[in-house]
Structures are given as structure tokens and as C-alpha cells.
Amino acid sequence: MKIGFFGGSFDPPHRGHIALARLAMDRLGLDRVLFAPVGVQPLKRDRPQASFPDRVAMTRLLIEREPGLELSLIDAPHENGRPNYTVDAIRSLRSTLSPADDIVCLMGADSFLSIGRWYHAADLLLACDFAVASRPGFDLGKLAAALPASLSVAACDDPDPDHLVLCLRGYGRRASHLYLLPDLAELTSASAIRAALNQGADPQSVLDPAVAAWVREHHLYRKGAER
């Protein structure tokens, strides 16, 4: 099995997340993609505006009719309040899989630019393969520049000529692959959606109707709404 791991706040989840997952599935032949809402992101000073149960419920609504997309609670909040680290989630996921299964961590290019500041970043980047999606015209050279200095980067020999892929290596350790997906057409961002909702807008074009209904019914992202 080739499994995509798609972690994030999903605050709220939107159609851009579906577009990224589908792009990765199509290009890399993923058997399924796990959407894993994160409990506490250590690099974000402000906690998500919606609660973890709300974000889980909205993510479930977004993907429930999407073949091959599944909800995972592997990155749920810790009882002791400790921040969630992606390297721990990948290790936990690995322990549930067959040794022959491959994991590909999915993310957008903007998120990947901060990878050097992530907890045990070099260990994470060698723990599984990565697929980074960007909008057309994004400077892919920025992705290589964002990598920890302890990793070396080289072109990979790949039997699929349509793949843009780099090999990442650490001293004396297995190589991992960084797949570049430079043609993500969806321009949506969760922060823009939250800002629009806060002003009373209803961005139906980017929110799944079931997710939009949940936002309305639970008064999320509105001025004065409880967090």
C-alpha cells in the first residue's frame, strides 16, 4: 500500500484540501489518503479558532463521499497538553502498517517553507516521502532552500518521466523522496475563508455545503463566537 498522510489544522477544511489530495493520488498512485486534524500545532502561536471536535466533524463531512480519502485521529490532542509533532504522528502511523507499506506526507508549498523549524525536521524528512503541491509559477527552488542543512539534496532516477522528484539523504541513513507537484490550481486558503466568514460572508464556492452548514449551525468563525 502507498498511503498519503495529510495533517493540518483543517480550520476549516475546504475544497482546496480535496484538490491537493486528489492531485497527489493521481500523480503518485496513492491507495488512500488519511486526513489527520492536528491537536496543537507548536509553530502556531494562536490555537485553531474551531475546537478539535468541530474540526474533526467538518473534515469527516468534507471527505465522506470522496473515495480513497479517510479520517484519522492519529494526531489528536495529547492528554497532557503536549504539542503535536508530525514526526511522532508518522512514527505512530508506521507502527500500524506493514513494513512493505509506503507513507507519503502531503502538504502545500507555503507550509513546507517552514519545515526547517519543525521538531526534529531532518528525522521527519527521512522518516517518509513527501509530496509538496504548489500553484503554477511558484519558485520550486525555495523548497530546497528550506531544507535542514544536515540533509543533502540530489536529483533522483525515477522510472516515471512525469515525476519531479528530489532525493534527500542524511549521513549514513536511508534516502527519502521529495515529490514536487507544481500545478495545484486551487487558490483557496483557510485563513481567507475564516476572514470572509468573520465578516459575515458565506464562501459556498470553496466550502463543501455540508461543511458550510456545520459552520452556520455551530456559529463558527463569526465575530463574538466562542472559541
C-alpha atoms as a PDB file:
ATOM      1  CA  MET A   1       0.000   0.000   0.000  1.00  0.00           C
ATOM      2  CA  LYS A   2       1.056   3.575  -0.688  1.00  0.00           C
ATOM      3  CA  ILE A   3      -0.593   5.815   1.866  1.00  0.00           C
ATOM      4  CA  GLY A   4      -0.798   9.591   1.932  1.00  0.00           C
ATOM      5  CA  PHE A   5      -0.703  11.345   5.306  1.00  0.00           C
ATOM      6  CA  PHE A   6      -2.336  14.776   5.173  1.00  0.00           C
ATOM      7  CA  GLY A   7      -2.052  16.569   8.504  1.00  0.00           C
ATOM      8  CA  GLY A   8      -3.129  20.093   9.323  1.00  0.00           C
ATOM      9  CA  SER A   9      -5.433  22.309  11.320  1.00  0.00           C
ATOM     10  CA  PHE A  10      -8.331  21.977   8.846  1.00  0.00           C
ATOM     11  CA  ASP A  11      -9.732  25.176  10.325  1.00  0.00           C
ATOM     12  CA  PRO A  12     -11.952  24.874   8.321  1.00  0.00           C
ATOM     13  CA  PRO A  13     -11.370  22.034   5.844  1.00  0.00           C
ATOM     14  CA  HIS A  14     -12.186  23.123   2.306  1.00  0.00           C
ATOM     15  CA  ARG A  15     -12.174  22.069  -1.326  1.00  0.00           C
ATOM     16  CA  GLY A  16      -8.558  23.087  -1.746  1.00  0.00           C
ATOM     17  CA  HIS A  17      -7.626  20.265   0.625  1.00  0.00           C
ATOM     18  CA  ILE A  18      -9.523  17.831  -1.596  1.00  0.00           C
ATOM     19  CA  ALA A  19      -7.750  19.209  -4.679  1.00  0.00           C
ATOM     20  CA  LEU A  20      -4.323  18.678  -3.101  1.00  0.00           C
ATOM     21  CA  ALA A  21      -5.148  15.125  -2.008  1.00  0.00           C
ATOM     22  CA  ARG A  22      -6.548  14.206  -5.428  1.00  0.00           C
ATOM     23  CA  LEU A  23      -3.526  15.679  -7.213  1.00  0.00           C
ATOM     24  CA  ALA A  24      -1.184  13.591  -5.075  1.00  0.00           C
ATOM     25  CA  MET A  25      -3.287  10.457  -5.532  1.00  0.00           C
ATOM     26  CA  ASP A  26      -3.347  10.849  -9.294  1.00  0.00           C
ATOM     27  CA  ARG A  27       0.341  11.664  -9.718  1.00  0.00           C
ATOM     28  CA  LEU A  28       1.824   9.253  -7.184  1.00  0.00           C
ATOM     29  CA  GLY A  29      -0.642   6.368  -7.305  1.00  0.00           C
ATOM     30  CA  LEU A  30      -1.625   6.598  -3.647  1.00  0.00           C
ATOM     31  CA  ASP A  31      -4.058   3.919  -2.491  1.00  0.00           C
ATOM     32  CA  ARG A  32      -5.607   6.175   0.134  1.00  0.00           C
ATOM     33  CA  VAL A  33      -5.060   9.496   1.875  1.00  0.00           C
ATOM     34  CA  LEU A  34      -5.534   9.933   5.616  1.00  0.00           C
ATOM     35  CA  PHE A  35      -6.798  13.375   6.672  1.00  0.00           C
ATOM     36  CA  ALA A  36      -5.446  13.919  10.186  1.00  0.00           C
ATOM     37  CA  PRO A  37      -6.593  17.066  12.026  1.00  0.00           C
ATOM     38  CA  VAL A  38      -3.859  18.157  14.425  1.00  0.00           C
ATOM     39  CA  GLY A  39      -4.477  18.808  18.100  1.00  0.00           C
ATOM     40  CA  VAL A  40      -1.938  21.530  18.946  1.00  0.00           C
ATOM     41  CA  GLN A  41       0.472  22.880  16.336  1.00  0.00           C
ATOM     42  CA  PRO A  42       3.661  24.035  18.081  1.00  0.00           C
ATOM     43  CA  LEU A  43       4.634  26.663  15.477  1.00  0.00           C
ATOM     44  CA  LYS A  44       1.303  28.491  15.535  1.00  0.00           C
ATOM     45  CA  ARG A  45       1.010  30.895  18.428  1.00  0.00           C
ATOM     46  CA  ASP A  46      -2.760  31.153  18.119  1.00  0.00           C
ATOM     47  CA  ARG A  47      -4.742  27.978  18.640  1.00  0.00           C
ATOM     48  CA  PRO A  48      -7.286  26.996  15.976  1.00  0.00           C
ATOM     49  CA  GLN A  49     -10.467  29.026  16.081  1.00  0.00           C
ATOM     50  CA  ALA A  50     -12.650  25.910  15.934  1.00  0.00           C
ATOM     51  CA  SER A  51     -12.366  23.171  18.536  1.00  0.00           C
ATOM     52  CA  PHE A  52     -10.765  19.844  17.714  1.00  0.00           C
ATOM     53  CA  PRO A  53     -14.157  18.036  17.750  1.00  0.00           C
ATOM     54  CA  ASP A  54     -15.567  20.651  15.344  1.00  0.00           C
ATOM     55  CA  ARG A  55     -12.579  20.319  13.019  1.00  0.00           C
ATOM     56  CA  VAL A  56     -12.866  16.531  13.079  1.00  0.00           C
ATOM     57  CA  ALA A  57     -16.594  16.713  12.322  1.00  0.00           C
ATOM     58  CA  MET A  58     -16.072  19.140   9.431  1.00  0.00           C
ATOM     59  CA  THR A  59     -13.238  17.042   7.993  1.00  0.00           C
ATOM     60  CA  ARG A  60     -15.420  13.947   8.143  1.00  0.00           C
ATOM     61  CA  LEU A  61     -18.191  15.799   6.298  1.00  0.00           C
ATOM     62  CA  LEU A  62     -15.762  17.040   3.638  1.00  0.00           C
ATOM     63  CA  ILE A  63     -14.364  13.638   2.728  1.00  0.00           C
ATOM     64  CA  GLU A  64     -17.199  11.213   3.461  1.00  0.00           C
ATOM     65  CA  ARG A  65     -18.217  10.955  -0.215  1.00  0.00           C
ATOM     66  CA  GLU A  66     -14.653  11.002  -1.562  1.00  0.00           C
ATOM     67  CA  PRO A  67     -13.330   7.519  -2.449  1.00  0.00           C
ATOM     68  CA  GLY A  68      -9.909   6.789  -1.024  1.00  0.00           C
ATOM     69  CA  LEU A  69      -9.970   9.659   1.488  1.00  0.00           C
ATOM     70  CA  GLU A  70     -10.228   8.687   5.154  1.00  0.00           C
ATOM     71  CA  LEU A  71     -10.293  10.439   8.523  1.00  0.00           C
ATOM     72  CA  SER A  72      -7.503   9.663  11.002  1.00  0.00           C
ATOM     73  CA  LEU A  73      -7.323  10.666  14.680  1.00  0.00           C
ATOM     74  CA  ILE A  74      -3.667   9.708  14.985  1.00  0.00           C
ATOM     75  CA  ASP A  75      -2.691  13.359  15.616  1.00  0.00           C
ATOM     76  CA  ALA A  76      -5.397  14.088  18.212  1.00  0.00           C
ATOM     77  CA  PRO A  77      -4.605  16.271  21.251  1.00  0.00           C
ATOM     78  CA  HIS A  78      -2.447  14.685  23.936  1.00  0.00           C
ATOM     79  CA  GLU A  79      -3.962  14.344  27.408  1.00  0.00           C
ATOM     80  CA  ASN A  80      -1.003  16.158  28.963  1.00  0.00           C
ATOM     81  CA  GLY A  81      -1.384  19.134  26.618  1.00  0.00           C
ATOM     82  CA  ARG A  82       1.920  18.442  24.858  1.00  0.00           C
ATOM     83  CA  PRO A  83       2.158  19.886  21.337  1.00  0.00           C
ATOM     84  CA  ASN A  84       1.602  17.532  18.415  1.00  0.00           C
ATOM     85  CA  TYR A  85       4.677  16.825  16.322  1.00  0.00           C
ATOM     86  CA  THR A  86       4.368  15.397  12.824  1.00  0.00           C
ATOM     87  CA  VAL A  87       7.373  13.129  13.309  1.00  0.00           C
ATOM     88  CA  ASP A  88       5.544  11.435  16.188  1.00  0.00           C
ATOM     89  CA  ALA A  89       2.371  11.036  14.115  1.00  0.00           C
ATOM     90  CA  ILE A  90       4.350   9.436  11.268  1.00  0.00           C
ATOM     91  CA  ARG A  91       6.031   7.037  13.684  1.00  0.00           C
ATOM     92  CA  SER A  92       2.674   6.109  15.213  1.00  0.00           C
ATOM     93  CA  LEU A  93       1.190   5.564  11.768  1.00  0.00           C
ATOM     94  CA  ARG A  94       4.184   3.470  10.716  1.00  0.00           C
ATOM     95  CA  SER A  95       3.627   1.163  13.707  1.00  0.00           C
ATOM     96  CA  THR A  96       0.137   0.306  12.399  1.00  0.00           C
ATOM     97  CA  LEU A  97       1.268  -0.597   8.865  1.00  0.00           C
ATOM     98  CA  SER A  98       3.070  -3.406   7.144  1.00  0.00           C
ATOM     99  CA  PRO A  99       6.829  -2.930   6.644  1.00  0.00           C
ATOM    100  CA  ALA A 100       6.142  -3.007   2.907  1.00  0.00           C
ATOM    101  CA  ASP A 101       3.742  -0.049   3.045  1.00  0.00           C
ATOM    102  CA  ASP A 102       4.975   3.388   1.995  1.00  0.00           C
ATOM    103  CA  ILE A 103       3.947   6.694   3.593  1.00  0.00           C
ATOM    104  CA  VAL A 104       3.886   9.974   1.677  1.00  0.00           C
ATOM    105  CA  CYS A 105       3.343  13.129   3.738  1.00  0.00           C
ATOM    106  CA  LEU A 106       1.286  15.719   1.822  1.00  0.00           C
ATOM    107  CA  MET A 107       1.460  19.469   2.249  1.00  0.00           C
ATOM    108  CA  GLY A 108       1.277  22.769   0.449  1.00  0.00           C
ATOM    109  CA  ALA A 109       4.398  24.633  -0.557  1.00  0.00           C
ATOM    110  CA  ASP A 110       3.721  27.534   1.810  1.00  0.00           C
ATOM    111  CA  SER A 111       3.709  25.142   4.780  1.00  0.00           C
ATOM    112  CA  PHE A 112       6.840  23.359   3.591  1.00  0.00           C
ATOM    113  CA  LEU A 113       8.819  26.619   3.609  1.00  0.00           C
ATOM    114  CA  SER A 114       8.842  26.449   7.423  1.00  0.00           C
ATOM    115  CA  ILE A 115       9.983  22.795   7.547  1.00  0.00           C
ATOM    116  CA  GLY A 116      13.422  23.705   8.886  1.00  0.00           C
ATOM    117  CA  ARG A 117      11.794  24.941  12.113  1.00  0.00           C
ATOM    118  CA  TRP A 118       9.727  21.779  12.654  1.00  0.00           C
ATOM    119  CA  TYR A 119      10.511  19.449  15.539  1.00  0.00           C
ATOM    120  CA  HIS A 120      13.291  17.022  14.512  1.00  0.00           C
ATOM    121  CA  ALA A 121      12.901  18.218  10.923  1.00  0.00           C
ATOM    122  CA  ALA A 122      15.704  16.091   9.459  1.00  0.00           C
ATOM    123  CA  ASP A 123      14.372  12.955  11.152  1.00  0.00           C
ATOM    124  CA  LEU A 124      10.887  13.709   9.833  1.00  0.00           C
ATOM    125  CA  LEU A 125      12.059  14.257   6.258  1.00  0.00           C
ATOM    126  CA  LEU A 126      13.852  10.907   6.267  1.00  0.00           C
ATOM    127  CA  ALA A 127      11.042   9.026   8.038  1.00  0.00           C
ATOM    128  CA  CYS A 128       8.835   9.025   4.937  1.00  0.00           C
ATOM    129  CA  ASP A 129       8.485  10.509   1.479  1.00  0.00           C
ATOM    130  CA  PHE A 130       6.963  13.960   0.955  1.00  0.00           C
ATOM    131  CA  ALA A 131       4.737  15.431  -1.752  1.00  0.00           C
ATOM    132  CA  VAL A 132       4.605  19.221  -1.882  1.00  0.00           C
ATOM    133  CA  ALA A 133       1.975  20.919  -4.012  1.00  0.00           C
ATOM    134  CA  SER A 134       2.260  24.479  -5.265  1.00  0.00           C
ATOM    135  CA  ARG A 135       0.396  26.837  -7.511  1.00  0.00           C
ATOM    136  CA  PRO A 136       1.730  27.369 -11.051  1.00  0.00           C
ATOM    137  CA  GLY A 137       4.626  29.801 -11.069  1.00  0.00           C
ATOM    138  CA  PHE A 138       5.840  29.036  -7.544  1.00  0.00           C
ATOM    139  CA  ASP A 139       9.640  29.130  -7.279  1.00  0.00           C
ATOM    140  CA  LEU A 140      10.441  25.470  -6.565  1.00  0.00           C
ATOM    141  CA  GLY A 141      13.989  26.426  -5.644  1.00  0.00           C
ATOM    142  CA  LYS A 142      12.630  27.814  -2.388  1.00  0.00           C
ATOM    143  CA  LEU A 143      11.694  24.294  -1.294  1.00  0.00           C
ATOM    144  CA  ALA A 144      15.263  23.014  -1.474  1.00  0.00           C
ATOM    145  CA  ALA A 145      16.480  26.143   0.314  1.00  0.00           C
ATOM    146  CA  ALA A 146      14.071  25.422   3.186  1.00  0.00           C
ATOM    147  CA  LEU A 147      15.610  22.015   3.978  1.00  0.00           C
ATOM    148  CA  PRO A 148      17.754  21.472   7.098  1.00  0.00           C
ATOM    149  CA  ALA A 149      21.466  21.898   6.451  1.00  0.00           C
ATOM    150  CA  SER A 150      22.134  18.332   7.658  1.00  0.00           C
ATOM    151  CA  LEU A 151      20.397  16.886   4.595  1.00  0.00           C
ATOM    152  CA  SER A 152      21.884  16.603   1.126  1.00  0.00           C
ATOM    153  CA  VAL A 153      19.711  17.001  -1.966  1.00  0.00           C
ATOM    154  CA  ALA A 154      20.185  15.403  -5.361  1.00  0.00           C
ATOM    155  CA  ALA A 155      18.180  14.560  -8.456  1.00  0.00           C
ATOM    156  CA  CYS A 156      16.548  11.129  -8.373  1.00  0.00           C
ATOM    157  CA  ASP A 157      16.370   8.477 -11.016  1.00  0.00           C
ATOM    158  CA  ASP A 158      12.650   7.838 -11.386  1.00  0.00           C
ATOM    159  CA  PRO A 159      11.059   5.495 -13.923  1.00  0.00           C
ATOM    160  CA  ASP A 160       8.105   7.851 -14.324  1.00  0.00           C
ATOM    161  CA  PRO A 161       9.100  10.788 -16.558  1.00  0.00           C
ATOM    162  CA  ASP A 162       6.165  12.839 -15.271  1.00  0.00           C
ATOM    163  CA  HIS A 163       7.559  12.935 -11.725  1.00  0.00           C
ATOM    164  CA  LEU A 164       9.508  15.916 -10.456  1.00  0.00           C
ATOM    165  CA  VAL A 165      11.396  14.385  -7.561  1.00  0.00           C
ATOM    166  CA  LEU A 166      14.439  15.045  -5.398  1.00  0.00           C
ATOM    167  CA  CYS A 167      16.299  12.564  -3.194  1.00  0.00           C
ATOM    168  CA  LEU A 168      17.030  13.598   0.392  1.00  0.00           C
ATOM    169  CA  ARG A 169      19.839  11.942   2.318  1.00  0.00           C
ATOM    170  CA  GLY A 170      21.250  12.153   5.814  1.00  0.00           C
ATOM    171  CA  TYR A 171      24.643  10.841   6.827  1.00  0.00           C
ATOM    172  CA  GLY A 172      24.516   7.039   6.847  1.00  0.00           C
ATOM    173  CA  ARG A 173      20.714   6.956   6.599  1.00  0.00           C
ATOM    174  CA  ARG A 174      18.133   5.829   4.068  1.00  0.00           C
ATOM    175  CA  ALA A 175      17.119   8.244   1.344  1.00  0.00           C
ATOM    176  CA  SER A 176      13.639   9.678   1.084  1.00  0.00           C
ATOM    177  CA  HIS A 177      11.894  11.311  -1.858  1.00  0.00           C
ATOM    178  CA  LEU A 178      10.525  14.822  -2.178  1.00  0.00           C
ATOM    179  CA  TYR A 179       7.909  14.890  -4.932  1.00  0.00           C
ATOM    180  CA  LEU A 180       7.082  18.293  -6.392  1.00  0.00           C
ATOM    181  CA  LEU A 181       3.556  18.911  -7.655  1.00  0.00           C
ATOM    182  CA  PRO A 182       3.748  22.373  -9.274  1.00  0.00           C
ATOM    183  CA  ASP A 183       0.282  22.677 -10.804  1.00  0.00           C
ATOM    184  CA  LEU A 184      -2.227  22.875  -7.978  1.00  0.00           C
ATOM    185  CA  ALA A 185      -4.985  25.014  -9.474  1.00  0.00           C
ATOM    186  CA  GLU A 186      -6.955  25.640  -6.253  1.00  0.00           C
ATOM    187  CA  LEU A 187      -6.128  29.043  -4.732  1.00  0.00           C
ATOM    188  CA  THR A 188      -8.113  28.691  -1.508  1.00  0.00           C
ATOM    189  CA  SER A 189      -6.672  29.246   1.971  1.00  0.00           C
ATOM    190  CA  ALA A 190      -8.297  28.534   5.317  1.00  0.00           C
ATOM    191  CA  SER A 191      -7.225  31.935   6.671  1.00  0.00           C
ATOM    192  CA  ALA A 192      -9.008  33.721   3.813  1.00  0.00           C
ATOM    193  CA  ILE A 193     -12.132  31.642   4.432  1.00  0.00           C
ATOM    194  CA  ARG A 194     -12.074  32.475   8.148  1.00  0.00           C
ATOM    195  CA  ALA A 195     -11.684  36.180   7.367  1.00  0.00           C
ATOM    196  CA  ALA A 196     -14.634  36.066   4.969  1.00  0.00           C
ATOM    197  CA  LEU A 197     -16.821  34.216   7.481  1.00  0.00           C
ATOM    198  CA  ASN A 198     -15.836  36.664  10.197  1.00  0.00           C
ATOM    199  CA  GLN A 199     -17.224  39.444   8.005  1.00  0.00           C
ATOM    200  CA  GLY A 200     -20.498  37.596   7.516  1.00  0.00           C
ATOM    201  CA  ALA A 201     -19.767  36.204   4.051  1.00  0.00           C
ATOM    202  CA  ASP A 202     -20.735  32.679   3.064  1.00  0.00           C
ATOM    203  CA  PRO A 203     -17.974  31.336   0.743  1.00  0.00           C
ATOM    204  CA  GLN A 204     -20.001  28.500  -0.745  1.00  0.00           C
ATOM    205  CA  SER A 205     -17.689  28.202  -3.747  1.00  0.00           C
ATOM    206  CA  VAL A 206     -14.831  26.881  -1.608  1.00  0.00           C
ATOM    207  CA  LEU A 207     -16.665  25.220   1.282  1.00  0.00           C
ATOM    208  CA  ASP A 208     -18.476  21.939   0.847  1.00  0.00           C
ATOM    209  CA  PRO A 209     -22.216  22.520   1.525  1.00  0.00           C
ATOM    210  CA  ALA A 210     -22.168  20.122   4.481  1.00  0.00           C
ATOM    211  CA  VAL A 211     -19.162  21.911   5.985  1.00  0.00           C
ATOM    212  CA  ALA A 212     -20.782  25.309   5.400  1.00  0.00           C
ATOM    213  CA  ALA A 213     -23.931  24.061   7.151  1.00  0.00           C
ATOM    214  CA  TRP A 214     -21.869  22.897  10.145  1.00  0.00           C
ATOM    215  CA  VAL A 215     -20.163  26.304  10.331  1.00  0.00           C
ATOM    216  CA  ARG A 216     -23.542  28.082  10.336  1.00  0.00           C
ATOM    217  CA  GLU A 217     -25.232  25.739  12.801  1.00  0.00           C
ATOM    218  CA  HIS A 218     -22.364  25.926  15.289  1.00  0.00           C
ATOM    219  CA  HIS A 219     -21.698  29.661  14.819  1.00  0.00           C
ATOM    220  CA  LEU A 220     -18.047  29.172  13.927  1.00  0.00           C
ATOM    221  CA  TYR A 221     -15.660  31.898  12.755  1.00  0.00           C
ATOM    222  CA  ARG A 222     -18.134  34.698  13.406  1.00  0.00           C
ATOM    223  CA  LYS A 223     -17.420  37.865  15.363  1.00  0.00           C
ATOM    224  CA  GLY A 224     -18.182  37.263  19.006  1.00  0.00           C
ATOM    225  CA  ALA A 225     -18.410  33.479  18.567  1.00  0.00           C
ATOM    226  CA  GLU A 226     -16.998  31.382  21.389  1.00  0.00           C
ATOM    227  CA  ARG A 227     -13.762  29.565  20.650  1.00  0.00           C
END
